């Protein structure tokens, strides 16, 4: 096979990265009879001086992806897992500072929650997987500056009233009736970017920040009398920015989980709230509402498409 490795190449290499994706890490800490569990899915992406491996196949600057996998497990043992963010920071710093050709590291982590099962047996070592949401974080480090973006996905919420939708624009294809009382349900996907970017700055308490951000999202959803899902989204994101000084940007993606009253008149049944209304929960198609909320003076950096994060 002939490889074009001369000074002039008809095709120029652009952005590139490599690494080990979806390393499942479960760490059990045994504090006597009480045990603690951390369950992560860690993906590592590295970039830097990697042109030659693409052009000529030289692996001189390539740290094997198997080595990155082993590092994830070794660091889980050596450093523990205080939080997904802190664990990602340890990993990113290691890869950038230990290998000269590596100039940038991106660590993506999904954290799966477990709840303790309360029982009268021996010890506190039984858990049930929590189904509420998946915690997310992405750590990026280039040797001088950090970017930490955390968030969650699959946080499903529902208001059974206090939601309206009317006064909207209409055209010849509009069939949706206006409503002054509807179910509002969504599955929240959110990311928030921290202002922390330098080792010299005081690092946030990652776990507290996550729990508080989630709390404000839920409280804003519950407390907003909604005239549109857009209004609810704004209140959710704004509340996080207003109450959490360490967060500069919030990006939310809210699919509208439509609930439609079932037509039961053909069965001689009146389907209203007098004795309990029956709804059909549609899974698709669905309205998709997305927006970014920013602290004044800050610029948006979280990608519009959260699947790219």
C-alpha atoms as a PDB file:
ATOM      1  CA  UNK A   1       0.000   0.000   0.000  1.00  0.00           C
ATOM      2  CA  UNK A   2       1.323   3.458  -0.909  1.00  0.00           C
ATOM      3  CA  UNK A   3       0.944   6.156   1.731  1.00  0.00           C
ATOM      4  CA  UNK A   4       1.149   9.778   0.696  1.00  0.00           C
ATOM      5  CA  UNK A   5       3.561  11.168   3.288  1.00  0.00           C
ATOM      6  CA  UNK A   6       5.296  13.816   1.207  1.00  0.00           C
ATOM      7  CA  UNK A   7       5.331  17.561   1.943  1.00  0.00           C
ATOM      8  CA  UNK A   8       2.213  18.187  -0.151  1.00  0.00           C
ATOM      9  CA  UNK A   9      -0.984  16.318   0.626  1.00  0.00           C
ATOM     10  CA  UNK A  10      -4.213  16.641  -1.339  1.00  0.00           C
ATOM     11  CA  UNK A  11      -6.273  16.160   1.827  1.00  0.00           C
ATOM     12  CA  UNK A  12      -5.496  17.960   5.097  1.00  0.00           C
ATOM     13  CA  UNK A  13      -6.247  16.377   8.461  1.00  0.00           C
ATOM     14  CA  UNK A  14      -8.713  18.353  10.553  1.00  0.00           C
ATOM     15  CA  UNK A  15      -9.855  18.022  14.162  1.00  0.00           C
ATOM     16  CA  UNK A  16      -9.281  14.553  15.535  1.00  0.00           C
ATOM     17  CA  UNK A  17      -9.381  12.701  18.825  1.00  0.00           C
ATOM     18  CA  UNK A  18      -9.195   9.195  20.174  1.00  0.00           C
ATOM     19  CA  UNK A  19      -9.745   7.381  23.436  1.00  0.00           C
ATOM     20  CA  UNK A  20     -11.679   4.678  25.261  1.00  0.00           C
ATOM     21  CA  UNK A  21     -15.436   5.029  25.503  1.00  0.00           C
ATOM     22  CA  UNK A  22     -17.860   3.754  28.140  1.00  0.00           C
ATOM     23  CA  UNK A  23     -15.584   2.312  30.792  1.00  0.00           C
ATOM     24  CA  UNK A  24     -17.996   1.002  33.436  1.00  0.00           C
ATOM     25  CA  UNK A  25     -16.578   1.592  36.909  1.00  0.00           C
ATOM     26  CA  UNK A  26     -18.250   0.494  40.143  1.00  0.00           C
ATOM     27  CA  UNK A  27     -16.451   1.333  43.386  1.00  0.00           C
ATOM     28  CA  UNK A  28     -17.638  -0.043  46.705  1.00  0.00           C
ATOM     29  CA  UNK A  29     -16.349   1.659  49.845  1.00  0.00           C
ATOM     30  CA  UNK A  30     -16.775  -0.432  52.972  1.00  0.00           C
ATOM     31  CA  UNK A  31     -17.124   1.655  56.105  1.00  0.00           C
ATOM     32  CA  UNK A  32     -17.510  -1.194  58.552  1.00  0.00           C
ATOM     33  CA  UNK A  33     -20.936  -2.711  58.048  1.00  0.00           C
ATOM     34  CA  UNK A  34     -22.062   0.354  56.054  1.00  0.00           C
ATOM     35  CA  UNK A  35     -21.129   0.292  52.395  1.00  0.00           C
ATOM     36  CA  UNK A  36     -21.201   3.087  49.800  1.00  0.00           C
ATOM     37  CA  UNK A  37     -21.452   2.699  46.022  1.00  0.00           C
ATOM     38  CA  UNK A  38     -20.357   4.830  43.075  1.00  0.00           C
ATOM     39  CA  UNK A  39     -21.404   3.650  39.599  1.00  0.00           C
ATOM     40  CA  UNK A  40     -19.909   5.511  36.620  1.00  0.00           C
ATOM     41  CA  UNK A  41     -19.687   5.196  32.860  1.00  0.00           C
ATOM     42  CA  UNK A  42     -16.474   7.017  31.857  1.00  0.00           C
ATOM     43  CA  UNK A  43     -15.428   7.993  28.326  1.00  0.00           C
ATOM     44  CA  UNK A  44     -11.970   9.422  27.588  1.00  0.00           C
ATOM     45  CA  UNK A  45     -11.076  11.449  24.466  1.00  0.00           C
ATOM     46  CA  UNK A  46      -7.555  12.734  23.839  1.00  0.00           C
ATOM     47  CA  UNK A  47      -6.170  15.069  21.176  1.00  0.00           C
ATOM     48  CA  UNK A  48      -2.927  16.883  20.400  1.00  0.00           C
ATOM     49  CA  UNK A  49       0.100  16.141  18.234  1.00  0.00           C
ATOM     50  CA  UNK A  50      -1.484  13.204  16.424  1.00  0.00           C
ATOM     51  CA  UNK A  51      -1.022  14.113  12.761  1.00  0.00           C
ATOM     52  CA  UNK A  52       1.627  11.504  11.992  1.00  0.00           C
ATOM     53  CA  UNK A  53      -0.358   8.506  13.173  1.00  0.00           C
ATOM     54  CA  UNK A  54      -3.021   9.453  10.615  1.00  0.00           C
ATOM     55  CA  UNK A  55      -0.620  10.281   7.789  1.00  0.00           C
ATOM     56  CA  UNK A  56       1.970   7.519   8.140  1.00  0.00           C
ATOM     57  CA  UNK A  57       0.659   5.160  10.813  1.00  0.00           C
ATOM     58  CA  UNK A  58       3.427   6.001  13.299  1.00  0.00           C
ATOM     59  CA  UNK A  59       2.179   5.292  16.827  1.00  0.00           C
ATOM     60  CA  UNK A  60       5.034   7.107  18.584  1.00  0.00           C
ATOM     61  CA  UNK A  61       2.687   9.727  20.064  1.00  0.00           C
ATOM     62  CA  UNK A  62      -0.232   7.408  20.721  1.00  0.00           C
ATOM     63  CA  UNK A  63      -0.985   6.287  24.245  1.00  0.00           C
ATOM     64  CA  UNK A  64      -3.017   3.087  23.696  1.00  0.00           C
ATOM     65  CA  UNK A  65      -6.707   3.303  24.461  1.00  0.00           C
ATOM     66  CA  UNK A  66      -6.199   0.210  26.610  1.00  0.00           C
ATOM     67  CA  UNK A  67      -3.879   2.314  28.772  1.00  0.00           C
ATOM     68  CA  UNK A  68      -6.557   4.974  29.205  1.00  0.00           C
ATOM     69  CA  UNK A  69      -8.994   2.255  30.283  1.00  0.00           C
ATOM     70  CA  UNK A  70      -6.524   0.939  32.842  1.00  0.00           C
ATOM     71  CA  UNK A  71      -5.915   4.464  34.126  1.00  0.00           C
ATOM     72  CA  UNK A  72      -9.637   4.927  34.786  1.00  0.00           C
ATOM     73  CA  UNK A  73      -9.758   1.814  36.978  1.00  0.00           C
ATOM     74  CA  UNK A  74      -6.450   2.554  38.717  1.00  0.00           C
ATOM     75  CA  UNK A  75      -7.538   6.102  39.547  1.00  0.00           C
ATOM     76  CA  UNK A  76     -10.835   4.812  40.936  1.00  0.00           C
ATOM     77  CA  UNK A  77      -8.755   2.809  43.402  1.00  0.00           C
ATOM     78  CA  UNK A  78      -5.995   5.348  44.087  1.00  0.00           C
ATOM     79  CA  UNK A  79      -8.056   8.539  44.274  1.00  0.00           C
ATOM     80  CA  UNK A  80     -11.521   7.227  45.061  1.00  0.00           C
ATOM     81  CA  UNK A  81     -14.629   8.816  43.571  1.00  0.00           C
ATOM     82  CA  UNK A  82     -15.718  11.819  45.626  1.00  0.00           C
ATOM     83  CA  UNK A  83     -17.805  13.118  42.730  1.00  0.00           C
ATOM     84  CA  UNK A  84     -17.999  12.553  38.992  1.00  0.00           C
ATOM     85  CA  UNK A  85     -16.556  16.030  38.430  1.00  0.00           C
ATOM     86  CA  UNK A  86     -13.580  15.552  40.753  1.00  0.00           C
ATOM     87  CA  UNK A  87     -12.819  12.125  39.276  1.00  0.00           C
ATOM     88  CA  UNK A  88     -12.898  13.587  35.755  1.00  0.00           C
ATOM     89  CA  UNK A  89     -10.573  16.415  36.793  1.00  0.00           C
ATOM     90  CA  UNK A  90      -8.013  13.896  38.147  1.00  0.00           C
ATOM     91  CA  UNK A  91      -8.119  11.965  34.880  1.00  0.00           C
ATOM     92  CA  UNK A  92      -7.932  14.985  32.555  1.00  0.00           C
ATOM     93  CA  UNK A  93      -4.994  16.508  34.432  1.00  0.00           C
ATOM     94  CA  UNK A  94      -3.124  13.187  34.351  1.00  0.00           C
ATOM     95  CA  UNK A  95      -3.435  12.630  30.607  1.00  0.00           C
ATOM     96  CA  UNK A  96      -2.431  16.177  29.642  1.00  0.00           C
ATOM     97  CA  UNK A  97       0.495  16.475  32.069  1.00  0.00           C
ATOM     98  CA  UNK A  98       1.942  12.961  31.723  1.00  0.00           C
ATOM     99  CA  UNK A  99       2.080  12.705  27.910  1.00  0.00           C
ATOM    100  CA  UNK A 100       3.688  15.603  26.019  1.00  0.00           C
ATOM    101  CA  UNK A 101       1.912  14.956  22.686  1.00  0.00           C
ATOM    102  CA  UNK A 102      -1.484  15.052  24.410  1.00  0.00           C
ATOM    103  CA  UNK A 103      -2.620  18.689  24.536  1.00  0.00           C
ATOM    104  CA  UNK A 104      -6.274  18.302  25.406  1.00  0.00           C
ATOM    105  CA  UNK A 105      -8.331  15.773  27.343  1.00  0.00           C
ATOM    106  CA  UNK A 106     -12.106  15.486  27.487  1.00  0.00           C
ATOM    107  CA  UNK A 107     -13.704  13.230  30.087  1.00  0.00           C
ATOM    108  CA  UNK A 108     -17.403  12.436  29.863  1.00  0.00           C
ATOM    109  CA  UNK A 109     -19.073  10.680  32.781  1.00  0.00           C
ATOM    110  CA  UNK A 110     -22.548   9.322  33.393  1.00  0.00           C
ATOM    111  CA  UNK A 111     -23.318   8.523  37.022  1.00  0.00           C
ATOM    112  CA  UNK A 112     -26.035   6.037  37.930  1.00  0.00           C
ATOM    113  CA  UNK A 113     -27.671   6.537  41.312  1.00  0.00           C
ATOM    114  CA  UNK A 114     -28.375   3.810  43.841  1.00  0.00           C
ATOM    115  CA  UNK A 115     -30.616   4.136  46.902  1.00  0.00           C
ATOM    116  CA  UNK A 116     -29.985   2.215  50.076  1.00  0.00           C
ATOM    117  CA  UNK A 117     -32.566  -0.437  50.942  1.00  0.00           C
ATOM    118  CA  UNK A 118     -33.565   0.002  54.555  1.00  0.00           C
ATOM    119  CA  UNK A 119     -33.937  -3.368  56.246  1.00  0.00           C
ATOM    120  CA  UNK A 120     -33.491  -5.072  59.610  1.00  0.00           C
ATOM    121  CA  UNK A 121     -30.832  -7.502  58.453  1.00  0.00           C
ATOM    122  CA  UNK A 122     -27.113  -7.465  59.107  1.00  0.00           C
ATOM    123  CA  UNK A 123     -25.268  -4.380  57.851  1.00  0.00           C
ATOM    124  CA  UNK A 124     -26.169  -1.581  55.411  1.00  0.00           C
ATOM    125  CA  UNK A 125     -25.036  -3.021  52.118  1.00  0.00           C
ATOM    126  CA  UNK A 126     -28.187  -3.462  50.037  1.00  0.00           C
ATOM    127  CA  UNK A 127     -29.119  -1.058  47.251  1.00  0.00           C
ATOM    128  CA  UNK A 128     -31.803  -0.528  44.618  1.00  0.00           C
ATOM    129  CA  UNK A 129     -31.025   1.293  41.396  1.00  0.00           C
ATOM    130  CA  UNK A 130     -32.633   4.740  41.469  1.00  0.00           C
ATOM    131  CA  UNK A 131     -34.692   5.386  38.362  1.00  0.00           C
ATOM    132  CA  UNK A 132     -35.141   9.142  38.668  1.00  0.00           C
ATOM    133  CA  UNK A 133     -32.388  10.512  36.421  1.00  0.00           C
ATOM    134  CA  UNK A 134     -28.826  10.011  35.209  1.00  0.00           C
ATOM    135  CA  UNK A 135     -26.208  12.502  36.380  1.00  0.00           C
ATOM    136  CA  UNK A 136     -23.780  13.768  33.729  1.00  0.00           C
ATOM    137  CA  UNK A 137     -20.536  15.680  33.585  1.00  0.00           C
ATOM    138  CA  UNK A 138     -17.955  16.615  30.967  1.00  0.00           C
ATOM    139  CA  UNK A 139     -14.459  17.785  31.937  1.00  0.00           C
ATOM    140  CA  UNK A 140     -12.213  19.447  29.346  1.00  0.00           C
ATOM    141  CA  UNK A 141      -8.602  20.476  30.053  1.00  0.00           C
ATOM    142  CA  UNK A 142      -5.959  21.879  27.695  1.00  0.00           C
ATOM    143  CA  UNK A 143      -3.096  22.275  30.150  1.00  0.00           C
ATOM    144  CA  UNK A 144      -4.049  25.771  31.276  1.00  0.00           C
ATOM    145  CA  UNK A 145      -7.832  26.171  31.414  1.00  0.00           C
ATOM    146  CA  UNK A 146     -10.670  23.949  32.571  1.00  0.00           C
ATOM    147  CA  UNK A 147     -14.246  23.707  31.397  1.00  0.00           C
ATOM    148  CA  UNK A 148     -16.701  21.771  33.552  1.00  0.00           C
ATOM    149  CA  UNK A 149     -20.204  21.152  32.235  1.00  0.00           C
ATOM    150  CA  UNK A 150     -22.507  19.033  34.377  1.00  0.00           C
ATOM    151  CA  UNK A 151     -26.153  18.133  34.178  1.00  0.00           C
ATOM    152  CA  UNK A 152     -28.708  15.368  33.993  1.00  0.00           C
ATOM    153  CA  UNK A 153     -30.992  13.487  31.640  1.00  0.00           C
ATOM    154  CA  UNK A 154     -34.211  11.477  31.885  1.00  0.00           C
ATOM    155  CA  UNK A 155     -35.620  13.523  34.779  1.00  0.00           C
ATOM    156  CA  UNK A 156     -39.335  12.985  34.092  1.00  0.00           C
ATOM    157  CA  UNK A 157     -41.780  15.430  35.686  1.00  0.00           C
ATOM    158  CA  UNK A 158     -45.517  16.111  35.406  1.00  0.00           C
ATOM    159  CA  UNK A 159     -47.987  18.764  36.529  1.00  0.00           C
ATOM    160  CA  UNK A 160     -51.564  17.480  36.418  1.00  0.00           C
ATOM    161  CA  UNK A 161     -52.960  21.046  36.273  1.00  0.00           C
ATOM    162  CA  UNK A 162     -51.851  24.709  36.398  1.00  0.00           C
ATOM    163  CA  UNK A 163     -50.944  24.612  32.703  1.00  0.00           C
ATOM    164  CA  UNK A 164     -52.656  26.338  29.773  1.00  0.00           C
ATOM    165  CA  UNK A 165     -51.978  26.771  26.068  1.00  0.00           C
ATOM    166  CA  UNK A 166     -54.010  29.268  24.105  1.00  0.00           C
ATOM    167  CA  UNK A 167     -53.699  32.455  22.023  1.00  0.00           C
ATOM    168  CA  UNK A 168     -51.205  30.815  19.684  1.00  0.00           C
ATOM    169  CA  UNK A 169     -50.728  31.610  15.999  1.00  0.00           C
ATOM    170  CA  UNK A 170     -52.980  29.702  13.601  1.00  0.00           C
ATOM    171  CA  UNK A 171     -52.890  28.843   9.923  1.00  0.00           C
ATOM    172  CA  UNK A 172     -54.976  26.657   7.618  1.00  0.00           C
ATOM    173  CA  UNK A 173     -53.291  23.525   9.023  1.00  0.00           C
ATOM    174  CA  UNK A 174     -54.002  24.278  12.679  1.00  0.00           C
ATOM    175  CA  UNK A 175     -56.305  21.740  14.330  1.00  0.00           C
ATOM    176  CA  UNK A 176     -55.100  21.937  17.937  1.00  0.00           C
ATOM    177  CA  UNK A 177     -57.808  23.331  20.233  1.00  0.00           C
ATOM    178  CA  UNK A 178     -56.949  25.947  22.821  1.00  0.00           C
ATOM    179  CA  UNK A 179     -56.931  24.750  26.406  1.00  0.00           C
ATOM    180  CA  UNK A 180     -57.036  26.457  29.796  1.00  0.00           C
ATOM    181  CA  UNK A 181     -56.289  23.326  31.798  1.00  0.00           C
ATOM    182  CA  UNK A 182     -53.940  20.605  30.622  1.00  0.00           C
ATOM    183  CA  UNK A 183     -51.359  18.100  31.829  1.00  0.00           C
ATOM    184  CA  UNK A 184     -47.813  19.382  31.408  1.00  0.00           C
ATOM    185  CA  UNK A 185     -45.182  16.644  31.361  1.00  0.00           C
ATOM    186  CA  UNK A 186     -41.602  16.497  30.149  1.00  0.00           C
ATOM    187  CA  UNK A 187     -38.361  14.569  30.488  1.00  0.00           C
ATOM    188  CA  UNK A 188     -35.669  17.091  31.382  1.00  0.00           C
ATOM    189  CA  UNK A 189     -32.251  17.011  29.760  1.00  0.00           C
ATOM    190  CA  UNK A 190     -30.082  19.790  31.104  1.00  0.00           C
ATOM    191  CA  UNK A 191     -26.475  20.935  31.153  1.00  0.00           C
ATOM    192  CA  UNK A 192     -24.938  23.725  33.181  1.00  0.00           C
ATOM    193  CA  UNK A 193     -21.492  25.272  32.805  1.00  0.00           C
ATOM    194  CA  UNK A 194     -19.470  26.351  35.793  1.00  0.00           C
ATOM    195  CA  UNK A 195     -17.567  29.608  36.020  1.00  0.00           C
ATOM    196  CA  UNK A 196     -14.603  27.710  37.503  1.00  0.00           C
ATOM    197  CA  UNK A 197     -11.831  27.464  34.919  1.00  0.00           C
ATOM    198  CA  UNK A 198      -8.531  27.816  36.771  1.00  0.00           C
ATOM    199  CA  UNK A 199      -6.786  25.782  39.467  1.00  0.00           C
ATOM    200  CA  UNK A 200      -6.124  29.044  41.309  1.00  0.00           C
ATOM    201  CA  UNK A 201      -9.858  29.570  41.759  1.00  0.00           C
ATOM    202  CA  UNK A 202     -11.849  28.021  44.564  1.00  0.00           C
ATOM    203  CA  UNK A 203     -13.334  24.783  43.298  1.00  0.00           C
ATOM    204  CA  UNK A 204     -17.104  24.328  43.733  1.00  0.00           C
ATOM    205  CA  UNK A 205     -18.574  21.625  45.945  1.00  0.00           C
ATOM    206  CA  UNK A 206     -19.634  19.468  43.021  1.00  0.00           C
ATOM    207  CA  UNK A 207     -22.093  17.204  44.846  1.00  0.00           C
ATOM    208  CA  UNK A 208     -23.862  20.047  46.639  1.00  0.00           C
ATOM    209  CA  UNK A 209     -24.019  22.053  43.426  1.00  0.00           C
ATOM    210  CA  UNK A 210     -25.644  19.164  41.576  1.00  0.00           C
ATOM    211  CA  UNK A 211     -28.265  18.502  44.232  1.00  0.00           C
ATOM    212  CA  UNK A 212     -29.105  22.201  44.536  1.00  0.00           C
ATOM    213  CA  UNK A 213     -29.348  22.718  40.772  1.00  0.00           C
ATOM    214  CA  UNK A 214     -31.676  19.733  40.492  1.00  0.00           C
ATOM    215  CA  UNK A 215     -33.747  21.031  43.407  1.00  0.00           C
ATOM    216  CA  UNK A 216     -34.200  24.430  41.758  1.00  0.00           C
ATOM    217  CA  UNK A 217     -35.184  22.842  38.441  1.00  0.00           C
ATOM    218  CA  UNK A 218     -37.869  20.781  40.175  1.00  0.00           C
ATOM    219  CA  UNK A 219     -39.153  23.595  42.357  1.00  0.00           C
ATOM    220  CA  UNK A 220     -39.431  25.982  39.407  1.00  0.00           C
ATOM    221  CA  UNK A 221     -41.321  23.363  37.409  1.00  0.00           C
ATOM    222  CA  UNK A 222     -43.734  22.748  40.272  1.00  0.00           C
ATOM    223  CA  UNK A 223     -44.258  26.389  41.233  1.00  0.00           C
ATOM    224  CA  UNK A 224     -44.706  27.942  37.775  1.00  0.00           C
ATOM    225  CA  UNK A 225     -48.273  28.428  36.575  1.00  0.00           C
ATOM    226  CA  UNK A 226     -47.501  27.641  32.970  1.00  0.00           C
ATOM    227  CA  UNK A 227     -48.937  29.392  29.920  1.00  0.00           C
ATOM    228  CA  UNK A 228     -46.380  27.630  27.709  1.00  0.00           C
ATOM    229  CA  UNK A 229     -43.589  25.087  28.119  1.00  0.00           C
ATOM    230  CA  UNK A 230     -41.205  27.828  26.986  1.00  0.00           C
ATOM    231  CA  UNK A 231     -42.205  29.924  29.990  1.00  0.00           C
ATOM    232  CA  UNK A 232     -41.660  26.959  32.312  1.00  0.00           C
ATOM    233  CA  UNK A 233     -38.245  26.251  30.754  1.00  0.00           C
ATOM    234  CA  UNK A 234     -37.165  29.859  31.291  1.00  0.00           C
ATOM    235  CA  UNK A 235     -38.221  29.794  34.939  1.00  0.00           C
ATOM    236  CA  UNK A 236     -36.359  26.516  35.517  1.00  0.00           C
ATOM    237  CA  UNK A 237     -33.100  27.682  33.995  1.00  0.00           C
ATOM    238  CA  UNK A 238     -33.291  31.184  35.418  1.00  0.00           C
ATOM    239  CA  UNK A 239     -33.823  29.849  38.926  1.00  0.00           C
ATOM    240  CA  UNK A 240     -30.617  27.800  38.712  1.00  0.00           C
ATOM    241  CA  UNK A 241     -28.574  30.775  37.484  1.00  0.00           C
ATOM    242  CA  UNK A 242     -30.086  33.104  40.109  1.00  0.00           C
ATOM    243  CA  UNK A 243     -29.508  30.757  43.065  1.00  0.00           C
ATOM    244  CA  UNK A 244     -26.205  29.088  42.135  1.00  0.00           C
ATOM    245  CA  UNK A 245     -23.421  31.642  41.767  1.00  0.00           C
ATOM    246  CA  UNK A 246     -20.947  29.023  40.500  1.00  0.00           C
ATOM    247  CA  UNK A 247     -23.073  28.353  37.383  1.00  0.00           C
ATOM    248  CA  UNK A 248     -22.898  30.770  34.420  1.00  0.00           C
ATOM    249  CA  UNK A 249     -24.938  28.958  31.761  1.00  0.00           C
ATOM    250  CA  UNK A 250     -27.826  26.497  31.664  1.00  0.00           C
ATOM    251  CA  UNK A 251     -28.978  24.679  28.534  1.00  0.00           C
ATOM    252  CA  UNK A 252     -32.311  22.830  28.745  1.00  0.00           C
ATOM    253  CA  UNK A 253     -34.056  20.487  26.325  1.00  0.00           C
ATOM    254  CA  UNK A 254     -37.676  19.709  27.194  1.00  0.00           C
ATOM    255  CA  UNK A 255     -39.788  17.390  25.054  1.00  0.00           C
ATOM    256  CA  UNK A 256     -43.491  17.994  25.557  1.00  0.00           C
ATOM    257  CA  UNK A 257     -44.891  14.647  26.714  1.00  0.00           C
ATOM    258  CA  UNK A 258     -48.397  15.120  25.346  1.00  0.00           C
ATOM    259  CA  UNK A 259     -51.422  13.725  27.220  1.00  0.00           C
ATOM    260  CA  UNK A 260     -54.695  13.654  25.301  1.00  0.00           C
ATOM    261  CA  UNK A 261     -58.168  13.013  26.708  1.00  0.00           C
ATOM    262  CA  UNK A 262     -59.494   9.705  25.393  1.00  0.00           C
ATOM    263  CA  UNK A 263     -62.809   9.950  23.502  1.00  0.00           C
ATOM    264  CA  UNK A 264     -65.114   7.659  25.463  1.00  0.00           C
ATOM    265  CA  UNK A 265     -68.450   9.081  24.259  1.00  0.00           C
ATOM    266  CA  UNK A 266     -69.022   6.115  21.948  1.00  0.00           C
ATOM    267  CA  UNK A 267     -69.148   3.949  25.068  1.00  0.00           C
ATOM    268  CA  UNK A 268     -71.640   6.265  26.734  1.00  0.00           C
ATOM    269  CA  UNK A 269     -68.975   7.615  29.111  1.00  0.00           C
ATOM    270  CA  UNK A 270     -68.306  11.265  29.840  1.00  0.00           C
ATOM    271  CA  UNK A 271     -64.555  11.675  30.221  1.00  0.00           C
ATOM    272  CA  UNK A 272     -64.049  14.643  32.535  1.00  0.00           C
ATOM    273  CA  UNK A 273     -62.587  15.418  35.923  1.00  0.00           C
ATOM    274  CA  UNK A 274     -65.785  14.759  37.878  1.00  0.00           C
ATOM    275  CA  UNK A 275     -64.859  11.150  38.590  1.00  0.00           C
ATOM    276  CA  UNK A 276     -61.331  11.012  37.205  1.00  0.00           C
ATOM    277  CA  UNK A 277     -60.301  11.774  33.635  1.00  0.00           C
ATOM    278  CA  UNK A 278     -58.549   9.203  31.421  1.00  0.00           C
ATOM    279  CA  UNK A 279     -55.711  10.299  29.130  1.00  0.00           C
ATOM    280  CA  UNK A 280     -53.682   8.754  26.362  1.00  0.00           C
ATOM    281  CA  UNK A 281     -49.953   9.364  26.896  1.00  0.00           C
ATOM    282  CA  UNK A 282     -48.399   9.838  23.448  1.00  0.00           C
ATOM    283  CA  UNK A 283     -44.692   9.118  23.067  1.00  0.00           C
ATOM    284  CA  UNK A 284     -44.270  10.564  19.547  1.00  0.00           C
ATOM    285  CA  UNK A 285     -44.316  12.869  17.748  1.00  0.00           C
ATOM    286  CA  UNK A 286     -43.657  15.457  20.434  1.00  0.00           C
ATOM    287  CA  UNK A 287     -42.967  19.150  20.703  1.00  0.00           C
ATOM    288  CA  UNK A 288     -39.335  19.864  21.612  1.00  0.00           C
ATOM    289  CA  UNK A 289     -38.560  23.081  23.472  1.00  0.00           C
ATOM    290  CA  UNK A 290     -34.907  24.098  23.952  1.00  0.00           C
ATOM    291  CA  UNK A 291     -33.117  27.215  25.167  1.00  0.00           C
ATOM    292  CA  UNK A 292     -30.004  28.544  26.879  1.00  0.00           C
ATOM    293  CA  UNK A 293     -30.118  30.756  29.990  1.00  0.00           C
ATOM    294  CA  UNK A 294     -27.051  32.896  30.739  1.00  0.00           C
ATOM    295  CA  UNK A 295     -25.744  34.974  33.579  1.00  0.00           C
ATOM    296  CA  UNK A 296     -25.569  38.567  32.333  1.00  0.00           C
ATOM    297  CA  UNK A 297     -22.211  39.250  30.692  1.00  0.00           C
ATOM    298  CA  UNK A 298     -21.465  35.568  29.984  1.00  0.00           C
ATOM    299  CA  UNK A 299     -21.337  33.943  26.564  1.00  0.00           C
ATOM    300  CA  UNK A 300     -22.957  30.680  25.504  1.00  0.00           C
ATOM    301  CA  UNK A 301     -20.555  27.744  25.148  1.00  0.00           C
ATOM    302  CA  UNK A 302     -22.756  24.694  25.628  1.00  0.00           C
ATOM    303  CA  UNK A 303     -23.606  23.195  22.201  1.00  0.00           C
ATOM    304  CA  UNK A 304     -27.155  23.745  20.982  1.00  0.00           C
ATOM    305  CA  UNK A 305     -27.404  20.006  20.299  1.00  0.00           C
ATOM    306  CA  UNK A 306     -26.895  18.371  23.692  1.00  0.00           C
ATOM    307  CA  UNK A 307     -26.247  15.001  22.044  1.00  0.00           C
ATOM    308  CA  UNK A 308     -22.899  16.473  20.929  1.00  0.00           C
ATOM    309  CA  UNK A 309     -21.843  17.088  24.517  1.00  0.00           C
END
